[in-house]
Amino acid sequence: MKFWSGTAFMKTAEMPAVARMLDDAGFHGLLVSDHLIYPKEMKTVYPGHESGKPFWSPETEWPDAWVLIGAMAP
């Protein structure tokens, strides 16, 4: 069995240390999320959520996926 972990909603500064910890624990990989654009005010209904709004705040950190992968590489 292979184990993977996601990084969404983690604090960006903590991700490299978490990646090392997961590597040491035998995890096989990490999943990295990104959003290129996120408006502070949404004028349309967000799909899939009953409130019509995303469940994360506009201040949520979405680091660039490729830069994050490089920072987490051993």
PDB file of N, CA and C in Angstrom:
ATOM      1  N   MET A   1       0.841  -1.163   0.000  1.00  0.00           N
ATOM      2  CA  MET A   1       0.000   0.000   0.000  1.00  0.00           C
ATOM      3  C   MET A   1       0.892   1.234   0.000  1.00  0.00           C
ATOM      4  N   LYS A   2       0.491   2.225  -0.766  1.00  0.00           N
ATOM      5  CA  LYS A   2       1.233   3.481  -0.811  1.00  0.00           C
ATOM      6  C   LYS A   2       0.447   4.555  -0.085  1.00  0.00           C
ATOM      7  N   PHE A   3       1.168   5.403   0.643  1.00  0.00           N
ATOM      8  CA  PHE A   3       0.550   6.487   1.404  1.00  0.00           C
ATOM      9  C   PHE A   3       0.987   7.827   0.837  1.00  0.00           C
ATOM     10  N   TRP A   4       0.018   8.713   0.646  1.00  0.00           N
ATOM     11  CA  TRP A   4       0.257  10.051   0.152  1.00  0.00           C
ATOM     12  C   TRP A   4      -0.376  11.039   1.120  1.00  0.00           C
ATOM     13  N   SER A   5       0.077  12.274   1.097  1.00  0.00           N
ATOM     14  CA  SER A   5      -0.505  13.312   1.943  1.00  0.00           C
ATOM     15  C   SER A   5      -0.725  14.566   1.106  1.00  0.00           C
ATOM     16  N   GLY A   6      -1.784  15.280   1.390  1.00  0.00           N
ATOM     17  CA  GLY A   6      -2.047  16.554   0.729  1.00  0.00           C
ATOM     18  C   GLY A   6      -1.427  17.702   1.508  1.00  0.00           C
ATOM     19  N   THR A   7      -1.215  18.818   0.832  1.00  0.00           N
ATOM     20  CA  THR A   7      -0.630  19.988   1.486  1.00  0.00           C
ATOM     21  C   THR A   7      -1.600  21.164   1.569  1.00  0.00           C
ATOM     22  N   ALA A   8      -2.788  21.021   1.004  1.00  0.00           N
ATOM     23  CA  ALA A   8      -3.741  22.136   1.002  1.00  0.00           C
ATOM     24  C   ALA A   8      -4.043  22.592   2.426  1.00  0.00           C
ATOM     25  N   PHE A   9      -4.050  23.880   2.613  1.00  0.00           N
ATOM     26  CA  PHE A   9      -4.398  24.544   3.867  1.00  0.00           C
ATOM     27  C   PHE A   9      -3.326  24.437   4.950  1.00  0.00           C
ATOM     28  N   MET A  10      -2.167  23.868   4.635  1.00  0.00           N
ATOM     29  CA  MET A  10      -1.048  23.911   5.584  1.00  0.00           C
ATOM     30  C   MET A  10      -0.427  25.302   5.506  1.00  0.00           C
ATOM     31  N   LYS A  11       0.272  25.695   6.557  1.00  0.00           N
ATOM     32  CA  LYS A  11       1.013  26.953   6.518  1.00  0.00           C
ATOM     33  C   LYS A  11       2.221  26.747   5.593  1.00  0.00           C
ATOM     34  N   THR A  12       2.407  27.658   4.665  1.00  0.00           N
ATOM     35  CA  THR A  12       3.450  27.522   3.659  1.00  0.00           C
ATOM     36  C   THR A  12       4.828  27.318   4.277  1.00  0.00           C
ATOM     37  N   ALA A  13       5.148  28.060   5.312  1.00  0.00           N
ATOM     38  CA  ALA A  13       6.475  27.964   5.934  1.00  0.00           C
ATOM     39  C   ALA A  13       6.724  26.599   6.566  1.00  0.00           C
ATOM     40  N   GLU A  14       5.666  25.879   6.902  1.00  0.00           N
ATOM     41  CA  GLU A  14       5.812  24.570   7.545  1.00  0.00           C
ATOM     42  C   GLU A  14       5.927  23.413   6.551  1.00  0.00           C
ATOM     43  N   MET A  15       5.580  23.647   5.292  1.00  0.00           N
ATOM     44  CA  MET A  15       5.510  22.558   4.324  1.00  0.00           C
ATOM     45  C   MET A  15       6.828  21.823   4.082  1.00  0.00           C
ATOM     46  N   PRO A  16       7.983  22.504   3.953  1.00  0.00           N
ATOM     47  CA  PRO A  16       9.223  21.745   3.757  1.00  0.00           C
ATOM     48  C   PRO A  16       9.526  20.791   4.923  1.00  0.00           C
ATOM     49  N   ALA A  17       9.306  21.236   6.150  1.00  0.00           N
ATOM     50  CA  ALA A  17       9.551  20.359   7.307  1.00  0.00           C
ATOM     51  C   ALA A  17       8.561  19.196   7.334  1.00  0.00           C
ATOM     52  N   VAL A  18       7.316  19.458   6.975  1.00  0.00           N
ATOM     53  CA  VAL A  18       6.309  18.392   6.925  1.00  0.00           C
ATOM     54  C   VAL A  18       6.697  17.377   5.847  1.00  0.00           C
ATOM     55  N   ALA A  19       7.171  17.855   4.711  1.00  0.00           N
ATOM     56  CA  ALA A  19       7.594  16.952   3.637  1.00  0.00           C
ATOM     57  C   ALA A  19       8.725  16.033   4.103  1.00  0.00           C
ATOM     58  N   ARG A  20       9.701  16.590   4.822  1.00  0.00           N
ATOM     59  CA  ARG A  20      10.805  15.763   5.347  1.00  0.00           C
ATOM     60  C   ARG A  20      10.288  14.741   6.348  1.00  0.00           C
ATOM     61  N   MET A  21       9.375  15.159   7.219  1.00  0.00           N
ATOM     62  CA  MET A  21       8.809  14.254   8.207  1.00  0.00           C
ATOM     63  C   MET A  21       8.068  13.106   7.518  1.00  0.00           C
ATOM     64  N   LEU A  22       7.262  13.421   6.503  1.00  0.00           N
ATOM     65  CA  LEU A  22       6.516  12.386   5.794  1.00  0.00           C
ATOM     66  C   LEU A  22       7.453  11.454   5.034  1.00  0.00           C
ATOM     67  N   ASP A  23       8.516  12.013   4.458  1.00  0.00           N
ATOM     68  CA  ASP A  23       9.507  11.185   3.770  1.00  0.00           C
ATOM     69  C   ASP A  23      10.168  10.222   4.755  1.00  0.00           C
ATOM     70  N   ASP A  24      10.550  10.737   5.913  1.00  0.00           N
ATOM     71  CA  ASP A  24      11.162   9.894   6.952  1.00  0.00           C
ATOM     72  C   ASP A  24      10.198   8.811   7.442  1.00  0.00           C
ATOM     73  N   ALA A  25       8.900   9.111   7.417  1.00  0.00           N
ATOM     74  CA  ALA A  25       7.890   8.157   7.878  1.00  0.00           C
ATOM     75  C   ALA A  25       7.520   7.129   6.801  1.00  0.00           C
ATOM     76  N   GLY A  26       8.087   7.275   5.597  1.00  0.00           N
ATOM     77  CA  GLY A  26       7.843   6.291   4.550  1.00  0.00           C
ATOM     78  C   GLY A  26       6.721   6.613   3.573  1.00  0.00           C
ATOM     79  N   PHE A  27       6.198   7.844   3.610  1.00  0.00           N
ATOM     80  CA  PHE A  27       5.160   8.205   2.647  1.00  0.00           C
ATOM     81  C   PHE A  27       5.748   8.185   1.238  1.00  0.00           C
ATOM     82  N   HIS A  28       4.912   7.911   0.258  1.00  0.00           N
ATOM     83  CA  HIS A  28       5.357   7.811  -1.121  1.00  0.00           C
ATOM     84  C   HIS A  28       5.285   9.120  -1.893  1.00  0.00           C
ATOM     85  N   GLY A  29       4.537  10.079  -1.406  1.00  0.00           N
ATOM     86  CA  GLY A  29       4.448  11.342  -2.120  1.00  0.00           C
ATOM     87  C   GLY A  29       3.531  12.341  -1.452  1.00  0.00           C
ATOM     88  N   LEU A  30       3.509  13.527  -2.043  1.00  0.00           N
ATOM     89  CA  LEU A  30       2.670  14.638  -1.578  1.00  0.00           C
ATOM     90  C   LEU A  30       1.829  15.154  -2.733  1.00  0.00           C
ATOM     91  N   LEU A  31       0.654  15.626  -2.421  1.00  0.00           N
ATOM     92  CA  LEU A  31      -0.205  16.266  -3.402  1.00  0.00           C
ATOM     93  C   LEU A  31      -0.159  17.770  -3.143  1.00  0.00           C
ATOM     94  N   VAL A  32       0.036  18.537  -4.197  1.00  0.00           N
ATOM     95  CA  VAL A  32       0.174  19.984  -4.070  1.00  0.00           C
ATOM     96  C   VAL A  32      -0.997  20.662  -4.778  1.00  0.00           C
ATOM     97  N   SER A  33      -1.626  21.609  -4.106  1.00  0.00           N
ATOM     98  CA  SER A  33      -2.756  22.357  -4.667  1.00  0.00           C
ATOM     99  C   SER A  33      -2.296  23.734  -5.107  1.00  0.00           C
ATOM    100  N   ASP A  34      -3.053  24.320  -6.026  1.00  0.00           N
ATOM    101  CA  ASP A  34      -2.791  25.719  -6.345  1.00  0.00           C
ATOM    102  C   ASP A  34      -4.048  26.367  -6.905  1.00  0.00           C
ATOM    103  N   HIS A  35      -4.089  27.668  -6.801  1.00  0.00           N
ATOM    104  CA  HIS A  35      -5.118  28.497  -7.416  1.00  0.00           C
ATOM    105  C   HIS A  35      -4.399  29.704  -7.981  1.00  0.00           C
ATOM    106  N   LEU A  36      -4.518  29.896  -9.261  1.00  0.00           N
ATOM    107  CA  LEU A  36      -3.833  31.023  -9.876  1.00  0.00           C
ATOM    108  C   LEU A  36      -4.516  32.338  -9.567  1.00  0.00           C
ATOM    109  N   ILE A  37      -5.838  32.314  -9.488  1.00  0.00           N
ATOM    110  CA  ILE A  37      -6.600  33.540  -9.236  1.00  0.00           C
ATOM    111  C   ILE A  37      -7.687  33.232  -8.220  1.00  0.00           C
ATOM    112  N   TYR A  38      -7.821  34.088  -7.241  1.00  0.00           N
ATOM    113  CA  TYR A  38      -8.903  33.946  -6.272  1.00  0.00           C
ATOM    114  C   TYR A  38      -9.388  35.337  -5.912  1.00  0.00           C
ATOM    115  N   PRO A  39     -10.582  35.709  -6.373  1.00  0.00           N
ATOM    116  CA  PRO A  39     -11.067  37.061  -6.087  1.00  0.00           C
ATOM    117  C   PRO A  39     -11.479  37.239  -4.630  1.00  0.00           C
ATOM    118  N   LYS A  40     -11.286  38.423  -4.091  1.00  0.00           N
ATOM    119  CA  LYS A  40     -11.726  38.698  -2.719  1.00  0.00           C
ATOM    120  C   LYS A  40     -13.238  38.682  -2.619  1.00  0.00           C
ATOM    121  N   GLU A  41     -13.910  39.104  -3.679  1.00  0.00           N
ATOM    122  CA  GLU A  41     -15.376  39.080  -3.707  1.00  0.00           C
ATOM    123  C   GLU A  41     -15.826  38.227  -4.888  1.00  0.00           C
ATOM    124  N   MET A  42     -16.634  37.222  -4.583  1.00  0.00           N
ATOM    125  CA  MET A  42     -17.164  36.372  -5.650  1.00  0.00           C
ATOM    126  C   MET A  42     -18.582  36.831  -5.969  1.00  0.00           C
ATOM    127  N   LYS A  43     -18.851  37.059  -7.242  1.00  0.00           N
ATOM    128  CA  LYS A  43     -20.165  37.529  -7.656  1.00  0.00           C
ATOM    129  C   LYS A  43     -21.042  36.393  -8.162  1.00  0.00           C
ATOM    130  N   THR A  44     -20.483  35.196  -8.266  1.00  0.00           N
ATOM    131  CA  THR A  44     -21.260  34.032  -8.686  1.00  0.00           C
ATOM    132  C   THR A  44     -21.274  33.011  -7.557  1.00  0.00           C
ATOM    133  N   VAL A  45     -22.173  32.066  -7.647  1.00  0.00           N
ATOM    134  CA  VAL A  45     -22.292  31.025  -6.628  1.00  0.00           C
ATOM    135  C   VAL A  45     -21.172  30.011  -6.814  1.00  0.00           C
ATOM    136  N   TYR A  46     -20.490  29.686  -5.715  1.00  0.00           N
ATOM    137  CA  TYR A  46     -19.451  28.664  -5.754  1.00  0.00           C
ATOM    138  C   TYR A  46     -20.120  27.295  -5.796  1.00  0.00           C
ATOM    139  N   PRO A  47     -19.811  26.475  -6.794  1.00  0.00           N
ATOM    140  CA  PRO A  47     -20.497  25.183  -6.922  1.00  0.00           C
ATOM    141  C   PRO A  47     -20.072  24.182  -5.852  1.00  0.00           C
ATOM    142  N   GLY A  48     -20.999  23.308  -5.502  1.00  0.00           N
ATOM    143  CA  GLY A  48     -20.679  22.201  -4.619  1.00  0.00           C
ATOM    144  C   GLY A  48     -20.696  22.503  -3.138  1.00  0.00           C
ATOM    145  N   HIS A  49     -21.080  23.700  -2.765  1.00  0.00           N
ATOM    146  CA  HIS A  49     -21.131  24.028  -1.345  1.00  0.00           C
ATOM    147  C   HIS A  49     -22.461  24.725  -1.091  1.00  0.00           C
ATOM    148  N   GLU A  50     -23.189  24.259  -0.091  1.00  0.00           N
ATOM    149  CA  GLU A  50     -24.553  24.758   0.120  1.00  0.00           C
ATOM    150  C   GLU A  50     -24.636  26.258   0.386  1.00  0.00           C
ATOM    151  N   SER A  51     -23.588  26.853   0.946  1.00  0.00           N
ATOM    152  CA  SER A  51     -23.614  28.296   1.201  1.00  0.00           C
ATOM    153  C   SER A  51     -23.395  29.107  -0.070  1.00  0.00           C
ATOM    154  N   GLY A  52     -22.885  28.437  -1.107  1.00  0.00           N
ATOM    155  CA  GLY A  52     -22.564  29.150  -2.336  1.00  0.00           C
ATOM    156  C   GLY A  52     -21.233  29.871  -2.281  1.00  0.00           C
ATOM    157  N   LYS A  53     -20.487  29.656  -1.193  1.00  0.00           N
ATOM    158  CA  LYS A  53     -19.179  30.289  -1.022  1.00  0.00           C
ATOM    159  C   LYS A  53     -18.132  29.205  -0.777  1.00  0.00           C
ATOM    160  N   PRO A  54     -16.876  29.449  -1.167  1.00  0.00           N
ATOM    161  CA  PRO A  54     -15.814  28.487  -0.858  1.00  0.00           C
ATOM    162  C   PRO A  54     -15.662  28.325   0.657  1.00  0.00           C
ATOM    163  N   PHE A  55     -15.151  27.194   1.087  1.00  0.00           N
ATOM    164  CA  PHE A  55     -14.991  26.960   2.521  1.00  0.00           C
ATOM    165  C   PHE A  55     -13.667  27.487   3.055  1.00  0.00           C
ATOM    166  N   TRP A  56     -12.841  28.114   2.209  1.00  0.00           N
ATOM    167  CA  TRP A  56     -11.597  28.730   2.667  1.00  0.00           C
ATOM    168  C   TRP A  56     -11.711  30.248   2.531  1.00  0.00           C
ATOM    169  N   SER A  57     -10.909  30.950   3.296  1.00  0.00           N
ATOM    170  CA  SER A  57     -10.973  32.415   3.273  1.00  0.00           C
ATOM    171  C   SER A  57     -10.118  32.968   2.130  1.00  0.00           C
ATOM    172  N   PRO A  58     -10.381  34.202   1.709  1.00  0.00           N
ATOM    173  CA  PRO A  58      -9.565  34.818   0.656  1.00  0.00           C
ATOM    174  C   PRO A  58      -8.087  34.947   1.050  1.00  0.00           C
ATOM    175  N   GLU A  59      -7.790  34.903   2.340  1.00  0.00           N
ATOM    176  CA  GLU A  59      -6.406  35.036   2.801  1.00  0.00           C
ATOM    177  C   GLU A  59      -5.647  33.703   2.809  1.00  0.00           C
ATOM    178  N   THR A  60      -6.304  32.606   2.447  1.00  0.00           N
ATOM    179  CA  THR A  60      -5.647  31.295   2.437  1.00  0.00           C
ATOM    180  C   THR A  60      -4.440  31.337   1.513  1.00  0.00           C
ATOM    181  N   GLU A  61      -3.341  30.775   1.982  1.00  0.00           N
ATOM    182  CA  GLU A  61      -2.109  30.759   1.190  1.00  0.00           C
ATOM    183  C   GLU A  61      -2.193  29.672   0.123  1.00  0.00           C
ATOM    184  N   TRP A  62      -1.871  30.029  -1.114  1.00  0.00           N
ATOM    185  CA  TRP A  62      -1.781  29.077  -2.218  1.00  0.00           C
ATOM    186  C   TRP A  62      -0.421  29.284  -2.871  1.00  0.00           C
ATOM    187  N   PRO A  63       0.642  28.710  -2.305  1.00  0.00           N
ATOM    188  CA  PRO A  63       1.967  28.922  -2.895  1.00  0.00           C
ATOM    189  C   PRO A  63       2.043  28.305  -4.286  1.00  0.00           C
ATOM    190  N   ASP A  64       2.902  28.870  -5.124  1.00  0.00           N
ATOM    191  CA  ASP A  64       3.110  28.320  -6.458  1.00  0.00           C
ATOM    192  C   ASP A  64       3.531  26.858  -6.331  1.00  0.00           C
ATOM    193  N   ALA A  65       2.853  25.978  -7.050  1.00  0.00           N
ATOM    194  CA  ALA A  65       3.078  24.539  -6.900  1.00  0.00           C
ATOM    195  C   ALA A  65       4.525  24.139  -7.217  1.00  0.00           C
ATOM    196  N   TRP A  66       5.083  24.668  -8.293  1.00  0.00           N
ATOM    197  CA  TRP A  66       6.436  24.261  -8.685  1.00  0.00           C
ATOM    198  C   TRP A  66       7.495  24.800  -7.727  1.00  0.00           C
ATOM    199  N   VAL A  67       7.315  25.994  -7.235  1.00  0.00           N
ATOM    200  CA  VAL A  67       8.250  26.540  -6.249  1.00  0.00           C
ATOM    201  C   VAL A  67       8.164  25.728  -4.956  1.00  0.00           C
ATOM    202  N   LEU A  68       6.938  25.386  -4.543  1.00  0.00           N
ATOM    203  CA  LEU A  68       6.746  24.587  -3.333  1.00  0.00           C
ATOM    204  C   LEU A  68       7.391  23.215  -3.465  1.00  0.00           C
ATOM    205  N   ILE A  69       7.217  22.571  -4.605  1.00  0.00           N
ATOM    206  CA  ILE A  69       7.841  21.262  -4.820  1.00  0.00           C
ATOM    207  C   ILE A  69       9.352  21.373  -4.703  1.00  0.00           C
ATOM    208  N   GLY A  70       9.927  22.419  -5.286  1.00  0.00           N
ATOM    209  CA  GLY A  70      11.372  22.624  -5.174  1.00  0.00           C
ATOM    210  C   GLY A  70      11.815  22.848  -3.742  1.00  0.00           C
ATOM    211  N   ALA A  71      11.027  23.579  -2.978  1.00  0.00           N
ATOM    212  CA  ALA A  71      11.368  23.851  -1.576  1.00  0.00           C
ATOM    213  C   ALA A  71      11.262  22.591  -0.724  1.00  0.00           C
ATOM    214  N   MET A  72      10.384  21.670  -1.106  1.00  0.00           N
ATOM    215  CA  MET A  72      10.200  20.453  -0.325  1.00  0.00           C
ATOM    216  C   MET A  72      11.137  19.334  -0.743  1.00  0.00           C
ATOM    217  N   ALA A  73      11.820  19.477  -1.879  1.00  0.00           N
ATOM    218  CA  ALA A  73      12.709  18.416  -2.371  1.00  0.00           C
ATOM    219  C   ALA A  73      13.888  18.233  -1.418  1.00  0.00           C
ATOM    220  N   PRO A  74      14.291  16.991  -1.213  1.00  0.00           N
ATOM    221  CA  PRO A  74      15.441  16.760  -0.299  1.00  0.00           C
ATOM    222  C   PRO A  74      16.746  17.263  -0.866  1.00  0.00           C
TER     223      PRO A  74
END
